[in-house]
C-alpha atoms as a PDB file:
ATOM      1  CA  MET A   1      -0.242  -0.052   0.121  1.00  0.00           C
ATOM      2  CA  PRO A   2       1.257   3.434  -0.823  1.00  0.00           C
ATOM      3  CA  THR A   3       2.463   5.539   2.179  1.00  0.00           C
ATOM      4  CA  LEU A   4       1.565   8.975   0.919  1.00  0.00           C
ATOM      5  CA  GLU A   5      -1.818  10.286   0.248  1.00  0.00           C
ATOM      6  CA  TYR A   6      -2.534  10.913  -3.412  1.00  0.00           C
ATOM      7  CA  LEU A   7      -5.232  11.734  -6.003  1.00  0.00           C
ATOM      8  CA  GLU A   8      -5.845  10.241  -9.188  1.00  0.00           C
ATOM      9  CA  ARG A   9      -7.190  10.942 -12.748  1.00  0.00           C
ATOM     10  CA  GLN A  10      -8.236   8.073 -14.927  1.00  0.00           C
ATOM     11  CA  PRO A  11      -7.214   8.513 -18.926  1.00  0.00           C
ATOM     12  CA  LYS A  12     -10.201  10.235 -20.664  1.00  0.00           C
ATOM     13  CA  THR A  13      -9.531   8.079 -23.554  1.00  0.00           C
ATOM     14  CA  SER A  14      -8.420   4.737 -24.180  1.00  0.00           C
ATOM     15  CA  ALA A  15      -4.866   3.669 -25.121  1.00  0.00           C
ATOM     16  CA  ALA A  16      -3.074   0.613 -24.915  1.00  0.00           C
ATOM     17  CA  ARG A  17      -0.406   2.784 -23.191  1.00  0.00           C
ATOM     18  CA  ALA A  18      -1.728   5.522 -21.391  1.00  0.00           C
ATOM     19  CA  PRO A  19       0.896   7.760 -20.712  1.00  0.00           C
ATOM     20  CA  LEU A  20       1.618   7.916 -16.782  1.00  0.00           C
ATOM     21  CA  LEU A  21       2.172  11.223 -15.119  1.00  0.00           C
ATOM     22  CA  PHE A  22       3.302  11.959 -11.362  1.00  0.00           C
ATOM     23  CA  LEU A  23       2.707  15.709 -10.349  1.00  0.00           C
ATOM     24  CA  LEU A  24       4.914  16.624  -7.170  1.00  0.00           C
ATOM     25  CA  HIS A  25       3.559  20.441  -5.415  1.00  0.00           C
ATOM     26  CA  GLY A  26       6.266  22.671  -4.025  1.00  0.00           C
ATOM     27  CA  ARG A  27       6.606  23.594  -0.290  1.00  0.00           C
ATOM     28  CA  GLY A  28       3.646  24.908   1.826  1.00  0.00           C
ATOM     29  CA  ALA A  29       0.992  23.173  -0.751  1.00  0.00           C
ATOM     30  CA  TYR A  30      -1.347  19.847  -0.858  1.00  0.00           C
ATOM     31  CA  ALA A  31      -1.641  17.037  -4.061  1.00  0.00           C
ATOM     32  CA  LYS A  32      -4.936  18.782  -5.004  1.00  0.00           C
ATOM     33  CA  THR A  33      -2.852  22.032  -5.626  1.00  0.00           C
ATOM     34  CA  ILE A  34      -1.302  20.960  -8.859  1.00  0.00           C
ATOM     35  CA  PHE A  35      -3.877  18.335  -9.308  1.00  0.00           C
ATOM     36  CA  SER A  36      -6.034  21.541  -9.558  1.00  0.00           C
ATOM     37  CA  ILE A  37      -4.233  21.810 -13.732  1.00  0.00           C
ATOM     38  CA  GLU A  38      -5.285  17.970 -14.610  1.00  0.00           C
ATOM     39  CA  GLY A  39      -8.209  19.540 -16.759  1.00  0.00           C
ATOM     40  CA  LEU A  40      -5.757  21.397 -18.614  1.00  0.00           C
ATOM     41  CA  LEU A  41      -3.724  18.099 -19.725  1.00  0.00           C
ATOM     42  CA  ASP A  42      -4.123  15.930 -22.602  1.00  0.00           C
ATOM     43  CA  SER A  43      -7.059  13.414 -22.000  1.00  0.00           C
ATOM     44  CA  SER A  44      -4.703  10.404 -22.346  1.00  0.00           C
ATOM     45  CA  PHE A  45      -2.577  11.112 -19.634  1.00  0.00           C
ATOM     46  CA  HIS A  46      -3.203   8.827 -16.379  1.00  0.00           C
ATOM     47  CA  ILE A  47      -2.507  11.096 -13.724  1.00  0.00           C
ATOM     48  CA  ILE A  48      -1.413  10.630  -9.749  1.00  0.00           C
ATOM     49  CA  SER A  49      -0.567  14.035  -7.845  1.00  0.00           C
ATOM     50  CA  ILE A  50       1.019  12.763  -4.612  1.00  0.00           C
ATOM     51  CA  GLN A  51       1.240  15.013  -1.329  1.00  0.00           C
ATOM     52  CA  ALA A  52       4.541  15.480   0.554  1.00  0.00           C
ATOM     53  CA  PRO A  53       5.008  13.786   3.901  1.00  0.00           C
ATOM     54  CA  TYR A  54       5.948  16.600   6.299  1.00  0.00           C
ATOM     55  CA  PRO A  55       3.470  19.435   7.581  1.00  0.00           C
ATOM     56  CA  SER A  56       5.071  22.785   6.510  1.00  0.00           C
ATOM     57  CA  GLU A  57       5.047  25.576   9.384  1.00  0.00           C
ATOM     58  CA  ILE A  58       3.495  27.650   6.729  1.00  0.00           C
ATOM     59  CA  GLY A  59       0.632  25.457   5.912  1.00  0.00           C
ATOM     60  CA  GLY A  60       0.361  22.444   3.680  1.00  0.00           C
ATOM     61  CA  PHE A  61       3.238  20.092   3.102  1.00  0.00           C
ATOM     62  CA  GLU A  62       6.564  19.865   2.476  1.00  0.00           C
ATOM     63  CA  TRP A  63       9.111  17.160   0.746  1.00  0.00           C
ATOM     64  CA  PHE A  64      12.403  18.010   2.789  1.00  0.00           C
ATOM     65  CA  HIS A  65      12.395  16.952   6.329  1.00  0.00           C
ATOM     66  CA  PRO A  66      12.086  19.849   8.533  1.00  0.00           C
ATOM     67  CA  MET A  67      15.142  20.582  10.536  1.00  0.00           C
ATOM     68  CA  PRO A  68      15.132  23.845  12.284  1.00  0.00           C
ATOM     69  CA  GLU A  69      18.752  23.009  13.615  1.00  0.00           C
ATOM     70  CA  THR A  70      20.145  23.034  10.308  1.00  0.00           C
ATOM     71  CA  GLY A  71      18.601  26.356   9.183  1.00  0.00           C
ATOM     72  CA  LEU A  72      17.690  26.335   5.298  1.00  0.00           C
ATOM     73  CA  SER A  73      19.857  23.749   4.148  1.00  0.00           C
ATOM     74  CA  GLU A  74      18.198  21.930   0.922  1.00  0.00           C
ATOM     75  CA  LEU A  75      20.962  22.981  -1.021  1.00  0.00           C
ATOM     76  CA  GLN A  76      23.597  21.169   0.607  1.00  0.00           C
ATOM     77  CA  ASP A  77      21.690  18.811   3.342  1.00  0.00           C
ATOM     78  CA  ALA A  78      21.110  15.437   1.930  1.00  0.00           C
ATOM     79  CA  GLU A  79      19.624  14.091   5.470  1.00  0.00           C
ATOM     80  CA  ARG A  80      16.887  16.737   4.404  1.00  0.00           C
ATOM     81  CA  PHE A  81      15.901  14.230   1.131  1.00  0.00           C
ATOM     82  CA  GLU A  82      16.922  10.738   1.775  1.00  0.00           C
ATOM     83  CA  GLU A  83      13.639   9.395   4.070  1.00  0.00           C
ATOM     84  CA  VAL A  84      11.196  11.220   1.428  1.00  0.00           C
ATOM     85  CA  GLU A  85      13.328   9.644  -1.677  1.00  0.00           C
ATOM     86  CA  ARG A  86      12.734   6.045  -0.536  1.00  0.00           C
ATOM     87  CA  LEU A  87       9.342   6.605   0.370  1.00  0.00           C
ATOM     88  CA  LEU A  88       8.350   8.352  -2.856  1.00  0.00           C
ATOM     89  CA  THR A  89      10.294   5.847  -4.715  1.00  0.00           C
ATOM     90  CA  ASP A  90       8.513   3.065  -3.191  1.00  0.00           C
ATOM     91  CA  ASP A  91       4.981   4.786  -3.731  1.00  0.00           C
ATOM     92  CA  ILE A  92       5.786   5.173  -7.350  1.00  0.00           C
ATOM     93  CA  SER A  93       6.970   1.857  -7.630  1.00  0.00           C
ATOM     94  CA  PHE A  94       3.599   0.745  -6.111  1.00  0.00           C
ATOM     95  CA  HIS A  95       1.443   2.732  -8.553  1.00  0.00           C
ATOM     96  CA  LEU A  96       3.269   1.308 -11.674  1.00  0.00           C
ATOM     97  CA  ALA A  97       2.292  -1.892 -10.602  1.00  0.00           C
ATOM     98  CA  ARG A  98      -1.125  -0.901  -9.493  1.00  0.00           C
ATOM     99  CA  THR A  99      -2.011   0.580 -13.093  1.00  0.00           C
ATOM    100  CA  ARG A 100       0.003  -2.319 -14.742  1.00  0.00           C
ATOM    101  CA  LEU A 101       1.930   0.880 -16.717  1.00  0.00           C
ATOM    102  CA  GLU A 102       5.230  -0.174 -15.999  1.00  0.00           C
ATOM    103  CA  ASN A 103       5.726  -0.435 -20.041  1.00  0.00           C
ATOM    104  CA  ALA A 104       4.211   3.340 -20.765  1.00  0.00           C
ATOM    105  CA  PRO A 105       5.789   6.440 -21.050  1.00  0.00           C
ATOM    106  CA  LEU A 106       6.198   7.799 -17.450  1.00  0.00           C
ATOM    107  CA  PHE A 107       6.775  11.577 -16.185  1.00  0.00           C
ATOM    108  CA  LEU A 108       7.386  13.163 -12.989  1.00  0.00           C
ATOM    109  CA  TRP A 109       6.518  16.911 -12.857  1.00  0.00           C
ATOM    110  CA  GLY A 110       7.409  18.701 -10.018  1.00  0.00           C
ATOM    111  CA  PHE A 111       7.113  22.195  -8.858  1.00  0.00           C
ATOM    112  CA  SER A 112       9.801  23.935  -6.479  1.00  0.00           C
ATOM    113  CA  GLN A 113      10.666  21.620  -4.114  1.00  0.00           C
ATOM    114  CA  GLY A 114       8.641  18.949  -6.229  1.00  0.00           C
ATOM    115  CA  ALA A 115      10.718  19.909  -9.187  1.00  0.00           C
ATOM    116  CA  ALA A 116      14.092  19.120  -6.902  1.00  0.00           C
ATOM    117  CA  MET A 117      12.013  15.497  -6.033  1.00  0.00           C
ATOM    118  CA  SER A 118      11.854  15.152  -9.834  1.00  0.00           C
ATOM    119  CA  LEU A 119      15.322  15.426 -10.379  1.00  0.00           C
ATOM    120  CA  ILE A 120      16.475  13.214  -7.188  1.00  0.00           C
ATOM    121  CA  VAL A 121      14.334  10.256  -8.096  1.00  0.00           C
ATOM    122  CA  GLY A 122      14.766  10.507 -11.969  1.00  0.00           C
ATOM    123  CA  LEU A 123      18.474  10.801 -11.628  1.00  0.00           C
ATOM    124  CA  ARG A 124      19.230   8.221  -8.877  1.00  0.00           C
ATOM    125  CA  GLY A 125      17.338   5.701 -11.605  1.00  0.00           C
ATOM    126  CA  LYS A 126      15.765   3.237  -9.464  1.00  0.00           C
ATOM    127  CA  ILE A 127      12.586   4.428 -10.989  1.00  0.00           C
ATOM    128  CA  LYS A 128      13.010   4.978 -14.830  1.00  0.00           C
ATOM    129  CA  PRO A 129      11.205   7.749 -16.281  1.00  0.00           C
ATOM    130  CA  THR A 130      10.760   8.656 -20.075  1.00  0.00           C
ATOM    131  CA  GLY A 131      11.244  12.686 -19.153  1.00  0.00           C
ATOM    132  CA  ILE A 132      11.318  14.697 -15.981  1.00  0.00           C
ATOM    133  CA  VAL A 133       9.673  18.152 -15.670  1.00  0.00           C
ATOM    134  CA  PRO A 134      11.710  20.157 -12.716  1.00  0.00           C
ATOM    135  CA  MET A 135       9.650  23.746 -13.265  1.00  0.00           C
ATOM    136  CA  SER A 136      10.625  26.864 -10.808  1.00  0.00           C
ATOM    137  CA  GLY A 137      13.246  24.347  -8.531  1.00  0.00           C
ATOM    138  CA  PHE A 138      16.869  23.646  -8.094  1.00  0.00           C
ATOM    139  CA  LEU A 139      18.730  20.585  -7.583  1.00  0.00           C
ATOM    140  CA  PRO A 140      20.378  19.823  -4.194  1.00  0.00           C
ATOM    141  CA  ARG A 141      24.317  19.844  -4.192  1.00  0.00           C
ATOM    142  CA  PRO A 142      24.479  16.211  -2.590  1.00  0.00           C
ATOM    143  CA  VAL A 143      23.097  15.063  -5.933  1.00  0.00           C
ATOM    144  CA  LYS A 144      26.310  16.079  -7.886  1.00  0.00           C
ATOM    145  CA  GLN A 145      28.089  14.438  -5.453  1.00  0.00           C
ATOM    146  CA  TRP A 146      26.874  10.864  -6.255  1.00  0.00           C
ATOM    147  CA  ASP A 147      29.024   8.175  -8.079  1.00  0.00           C
ATOM    148  CA  ARG A 148      26.712   7.473 -11.022  1.00  0.00           C
ATOM    149  CA  TRP A 149      23.471   9.291 -12.503  1.00  0.00           C
ATOM    150  CA  ASN A 150      20.639   7.784 -14.838  1.00  0.00           C
ATOM    151  CA  THR A 151      21.178   9.896 -17.760  1.00  0.00           C
ATOM    152  CA  ASP A 152      18.700   7.903 -19.880  1.00  0.00           C
ATOM    153  CA  MET A 153      15.456  10.358 -19.842  1.00  0.00           C
ATOM    154  CA  ARG A 154      14.825  13.836 -21.119  1.00  0.00           C
ATOM    155  CA  VAL A 155      14.383  16.695 -19.211  1.00  0.00           C
ATOM    156  CA  LEU A 156      12.611  19.658 -19.541  1.00  0.00           C
ATOM    157  CA  LEU A 157      13.348  22.742 -17.016  1.00  0.00           C
ATOM    158  CA  ALA A 158      10.741  25.672 -16.955  1.00  0.00           C
ATOM    159  CA  HIS A 159      11.332  28.367 -15.061  1.00  0.00           C
ATOM    160  CA  GLY A 160       9.178  31.995 -14.761  1.00  0.00           C
ATOM    161  CA  SER A 161      11.279  35.240 -15.670  1.00  0.00           C
ATOM    162  CA  ASP A 162      10.628  36.950 -12.623  1.00  0.00           C
ATOM    163  CA  ASP A 163      10.276  34.384  -9.858  1.00  0.00           C
ATOM    164  CA  GLU A 164      10.391  36.065  -6.888  1.00  0.00           C
ATOM    165  CA  VAL A 165      11.563  32.808  -4.710  1.00  0.00           C
ATOM    166  CA  LEU A 166      14.214  31.187  -6.663  1.00  0.00           C
ATOM    167  CA  ALA A 167      15.675  33.015  -9.627  1.00  0.00           C
ATOM    168  CA  THR A 168      16.112  31.454 -13.044  1.00  0.00           C
ATOM    169  CA  GLY A 169      19.883  30.820 -12.351  1.00  0.00           C
ATOM    170  CA  SER A 170      19.034  27.838 -10.309  1.00  0.00           C
ATOM    171  CA  SER A 171      16.915  26.321 -13.310  1.00  0.00           C
ATOM    172  CA  LYS A 172      20.334  27.457 -15.426  1.00  0.00           C
ATOM    173  CA  SER A 173      22.846  25.650 -13.515  1.00  0.00           C
ATOM    174  CA  THR A 174      21.018  22.410 -13.272  1.00  0.00           C
ATOM    175  CA  ARG A 175      20.544  22.544 -17.252  1.00  0.00           C
ATOM    176  CA  THR A 176      24.465  22.749 -16.903  1.00  0.00           C
ATOM    177  CA  PHE A 177      25.145  20.134 -14.853  1.00  0.00           C
ATOM    178  CA  LEU A 178      22.495  17.900 -16.780  1.00  0.00           C
ATOM    179  CA  GLU A 179      24.294  18.924 -20.228  1.00  0.00           C
ATOM    180  CA  SER A 180      27.715  18.002 -18.157  1.00  0.00           C
ATOM    181  CA  ILE A 181      26.760  14.170 -17.614  1.00  0.00           C
ATOM    182  CA  GLY A 182      25.031  13.597 -20.583  1.00  0.00           C
ATOM    183  CA  VAL A 183      21.322  13.940 -19.894  1.00  0.00           C
ATOM    184  CA  PRO A 184      19.310  15.694 -22.951  1.00  0.00           C
ATOM    185  CA  VAL A 185      17.861  18.472 -21.372  1.00  0.00           C
ATOM    186  CA  GLU A 186      15.723  21.738 -22.608  1.00  0.00           C
ATOM    187  CA  TYR A 187      15.175  25.130 -20.910  1.00  0.00           C
ATOM    188  CA  TYR A 188      11.876  26.737 -21.097  1.00  0.00           C
ATOM    189  CA  GLU A 189      11.457  30.298 -19.547  1.00  0.00           C
ATOM    190  CA  TYR A 190       8.111  31.367 -19.464  1.00  0.00           C
ATOM    191  CA  LYS A 191       6.656  35.438 -18.162  1.00  0.00           C
ATOM    192  CA  GLY A 192       6.090  34.872 -14.998  1.00  0.00           C
ATOM    193  CA  ARG A 193       6.478  34.709 -11.141  1.00  0.00           C
ATOM    194  CA  HIS A 194       6.928  31.987  -8.955  1.00  0.00           C
ATOM    195  CA  LYS A 195       3.774  29.880  -9.953  1.00  0.00           C
ATOM    196  CA  MET A 196       2.615  28.060 -13.371  1.00  0.00           C
ATOM    197  CA  THR A 197       0.820  29.970 -16.041  1.00  0.00           C
ATOM    198  CA  LEU A 198      -1.469  28.720 -18.772  1.00  0.00           C
ATOM    199  CA  ASP A 199       1.519  29.437 -21.490  1.00  0.00           C
ATOM    200  CA  VAL A 200       3.479  26.969 -19.545  1.00  0.00           C
ATOM    201  CA  ILE A 201       1.195  24.272 -18.765  1.00  0.00           C
ATOM    202  CA  GLY A 202       0.705  23.994 -22.369  1.00  0.00           C
ATOM    203  CA  HIS A 203       3.965  23.908 -23.673  1.00  0.00           C
ATOM    204  CA  VAL A 204       4.734  21.090 -21.048  1.00  0.00           C
ATOM    205  CA  ASN A 205       1.690  19.128 -21.868  1.00  0.00           C
ATOM    206  CA  GLN A 206       2.696  19.360 -25.777  1.00  0.00           C
ATOM    207  CA  TRP A 207       6.826  18.501 -24.762  1.00  0.00           C
ATOM    208  CA  MET A 208       5.199  15.063 -22.986  1.00  0.00           C
ATOM    209  CA  LEU A 209       3.010  14.091 -25.698  1.00  0.00           C
ATOM    210  CA  GLY A 210       6.057  14.296 -28.156  1.00  0.00           C
ATOM    211  CA  THR A 211       8.707  12.929 -25.536  1.00  0.00           C
ATOM    212  CA  GLY A 212       6.225  10.027 -25.263  1.00  0.00           C
ATOM    213  CA  THR A 213       6.333   8.974 -28.615  1.00  0.00           C
ATOM    214  CA  ASN A 214      10.222   9.777 -29.427  1.00  0.00           C
ATOM    215  CA  PRO A 215      11.770   9.159 -25.784  1.00  0.00           C
ATOM    216  CA  HIS A 216      15.310   8.576 -27.060  1.00  0.00           C
ATOM    217  CA  PRO A 217      16.274  11.574 -28.680  1.00  0.00           C
ATOM    218  CA  THR A 218      19.946  11.110 -31.034  1.00  0.00           C
ATOM    219  CA  ALA A 219      21.372  13.845 -29.016  1.00  0.00           C
ATOM    220  CA  ALA A 220      20.957  16.658 -26.440  1.00  0.00           C
ATOM    221  CA  PRO A 221      19.587  20.086 -27.440  1.00  0.00           C
ATOM    222  CA  SER A 222      22.412  23.062 -27.856  1.00  0.00           C
ATOM    223  CA  ALA A 223      23.295  24.822 -24.693  1.00  0.00           C
ATOM    224  CA  GLY A 224      22.063  27.947 -26.809  1.00  0.00           C
ATOM    225  CA  GLY A 225      18.574  26.597 -26.855  1.00  0.00           C
ATOM    226  CA  GLU A 226      17.158  28.626 -24.556  1.00  0.00           C
ATOM    227  CA  ILE A 227      13.127  29.312 -25.103  1.00  0.00           C
ATOM    228  CA  GLN A 228      12.074  32.985 -23.601  1.00  0.00           C
END
């Protein structure tokens, strides 16, 4: 049985291999927060929105274990995410078996802290996503120190140009690292602050549809391929 609470939308159209999409919300939010975009996504997607385990002091829930004595150490303290990485990996594995979609296109789409979790789980490689979408997030520094990474996936980094919580440099530095280890990565910068917009939701929707039919590009996009 899964450990973490979740919301689910079955595909609205029949398909032999419905793409499976996991949504991971940001700090101080709920599974229902990011799940609210499901009506804007393609009807073929099987969507599961998972709720983080730790109550947040600002309301809602968060993915990184609250450790006040270490301060805001999400970027450098692996202890903040080791437990939840295991919980999330186990729950995704459970849902893959439950839905019998182990061989279907698999996507992880996370916002802010959820973006970091999509990178952690995707790069660890115990789960093999077709693609991940880290939006307005960051890559914890301990991940860069691992001995190996899963590079057999595509990544779409998206970030609001006027983000007041995390500057665009956070995603741009993540792009640089991913390119250095050979992960095919694209960067999309949309007009907006630390939230999703209709523009970026539509862009991600089309990217997932295209990636699901062509999951293994022959080469990563060039570093200069920034879309404004």
